[in-house]
C-alpha atoms as a PDB file:
ATOM      1  CA  LEU A   1      -7.673  18.974  -7.233  1.00  0.00           C
ATOM      2  CA  VAL A   2      -6.917  18.502 -11.189  1.00  0.00           C
ATOM      3  CA  GLU A   3      -6.594  22.549 -11.294  1.00  0.00           C
ATOM      4  CA  LEU A   4      -4.972  22.762  -8.332  1.00  0.00           C
ATOM      5  CA  SER A   5      -2.059  19.915  -8.663  1.00  0.00           C
ATOM      6  CA  GLY A   6      -1.649  20.471 -12.748  1.00  0.00           C
ATOM      7  CA  LEU A   7      -2.070  16.640 -12.452  1.00  0.00           C
ATOM      8  CA  SER A   8      -4.341  14.722 -15.171  1.00  0.00           C
ATOM      9  CA  GLN A   9      -7.808  13.274 -13.528  1.00  0.00           C
ATOM     10  CA  SER A  10      -6.751  10.032 -13.408  1.00  0.00           C
ATOM     11  CA  SER A  11      -3.700  10.472 -11.450  1.00  0.00           C
ATOM     12  CA  VAL A  12      -5.480  12.408  -9.130  1.00  0.00           C
ATOM     13  CA  SER A  13      -8.114   9.630  -8.660  1.00  0.00           C
ATOM     14  CA  GLN A  14      -4.981   7.118  -8.172  1.00  0.00           C
ATOM     15  CA  HIS A  15      -3.745   9.361  -5.373  1.00  0.00           C
ATOM     16  CA  LEU A  16      -7.284   9.701  -4.059  1.00  0.00           C
ATOM     17  CA  ALA A  17      -8.148   5.830  -4.232  1.00  0.00           C
ATOM     18  CA  LEU A  18      -4.786   5.238  -2.885  1.00  0.00           C
ATOM     19  CA  LEU A  19      -5.295   7.613   0.134  1.00  0.00           C
ATOM     20  CA  ARG A  20      -8.761   5.773   0.653  1.00  0.00           C
ATOM     21  CA  GLU A  21      -7.535   2.072   1.011  1.00  0.00           C
ATOM     22  CA  GLU A  22      -4.433   3.759   3.440  1.00  0.00           C
ATOM     23  CA  ASP A  23      -7.662   5.191   5.454  1.00  0.00           C
ATOM     24  CA  VAL A  24      -6.115   8.759   4.964  1.00  0.00           C
ATOM     25  CA  VAL A  25      -9.306   9.980   3.456  1.00  0.00           C
ATOM     26  CA  SER A  26     -13.047   8.625   3.907  1.00  0.00           C
ATOM     27  CA  VAL A  27     -15.325   9.132   0.547  1.00  0.00           C
ATOM     28  CA  ARG A  28     -19.190  10.441   0.328  1.00  0.00           C
ATOM     29  CA  GLY A  29     -20.862  10.217  -3.224  1.00  0.00           C
ATOM     30  CA  GLU A  30     -23.484  12.383  -4.310  1.00  0.00           C
ATOM     31  CA  ALA A  31     -25.225  11.404  -7.479  1.00  0.00           C
ATOM     32  CA  GLN A  32     -22.248  11.850  -9.580  1.00  0.00           C
ATOM     33  CA  LEU A  33     -19.792  13.655  -7.319  1.00  0.00           C
ATOM     34  CA  ARG A  34     -17.502  12.397  -4.616  1.00  0.00           C
ATOM     35  CA  PHE A  35     -16.327  14.432  -1.573  1.00  0.00           C
ATOM     36  CA  TYR A  36     -12.830  13.493   0.392  1.00  0.00           C
ATOM     37  CA  SER A  37     -12.345  14.700   3.842  1.00  0.00           C
ATOM     38  CA  LEU A  38      -9.123  13.831   5.637  1.00  0.00           C
ATOM     39  CA  LYS A  39     -10.286  11.681   8.713  1.00  0.00           C
ATOM     40  CA  ASP A  40      -6.984  12.674  11.255  1.00  0.00           C
ATOM     41  CA  PRO A  41      -7.171  15.784  12.509  1.00  0.00           C
ATOM     42  CA  ILE A  42      -4.097  15.432  13.295  1.00  0.00           C
ATOM     43  CA  VAL A  43      -2.950  14.959   9.497  1.00  0.00           C
ATOM     44  CA  ARG A  44      -5.473  18.244   8.655  1.00  0.00           C
ATOM     45  CA  GLY A  45      -3.156  19.943  10.976  1.00  0.00           C
ATOM     46  CA  VAL A  46      -0.340  19.173   9.403  1.00  0.00           C
ATOM     47  CA  ILE A  47      -1.538  19.832   5.728  1.00  0.00           C
ATOM     48  CA  HIS A  48      -2.659  22.825   7.763  1.00  0.00           C
ATOM     49  CA  THR A  49       0.384  23.715   8.689  1.00  0.00           C
ATOM     50  CA  LEU A  50       2.621  23.142   5.619  1.00  0.00           C
ATOM     51  CA  CYS A  51      -0.535  25.259   3.688  1.00  0.00           C
ATOM     52  CA  GLU A  52       0.784  28.277   5.731  1.00  0.00           C
ATOM     53  CA  LEU A  53       4.431  27.710   5.292  1.00  0.00           C
ATOM     54  CA  CYS A  54       3.616  27.495   1.948  1.00  0.00           C
ATOM     55  CA  ALA A  55       2.105  30.750   1.139  1.00  0.00           C
ATOM     56  CA  GLY A  56       3.132  33.419  -0.270  1.00  0.00           C
ATOM     57  CA  HIS A  57       6.233  31.327  -1.403  1.00  0.00           C
ATOM     58  CA  SER A  58       7.165  31.416  -5.746  1.00  0.00           C
ATOM     59  CA  THR A  59       7.944  27.722  -7.115  1.00  0.00           C
ATOM     60  CA  LYS A  60       9.232  29.670  -9.919  1.00  0.00           C
ATOM     61  CA  ALA A  61      13.169  30.793 -10.350  1.00  0.00           C
END
């Protein structure tokens, strides 16, 4: 997520913590790793649709 977003590790962690607190994502841990998943299939669908709409669009002017 850090590489994809361009955000710092601490910023990504803060965002994930907020999503966890709001019950948007669930988290499971294995050793030193954490795996996050969206809880609500509607949210998952909205994000999927947004990704499809944005695919191929450049943010560079």
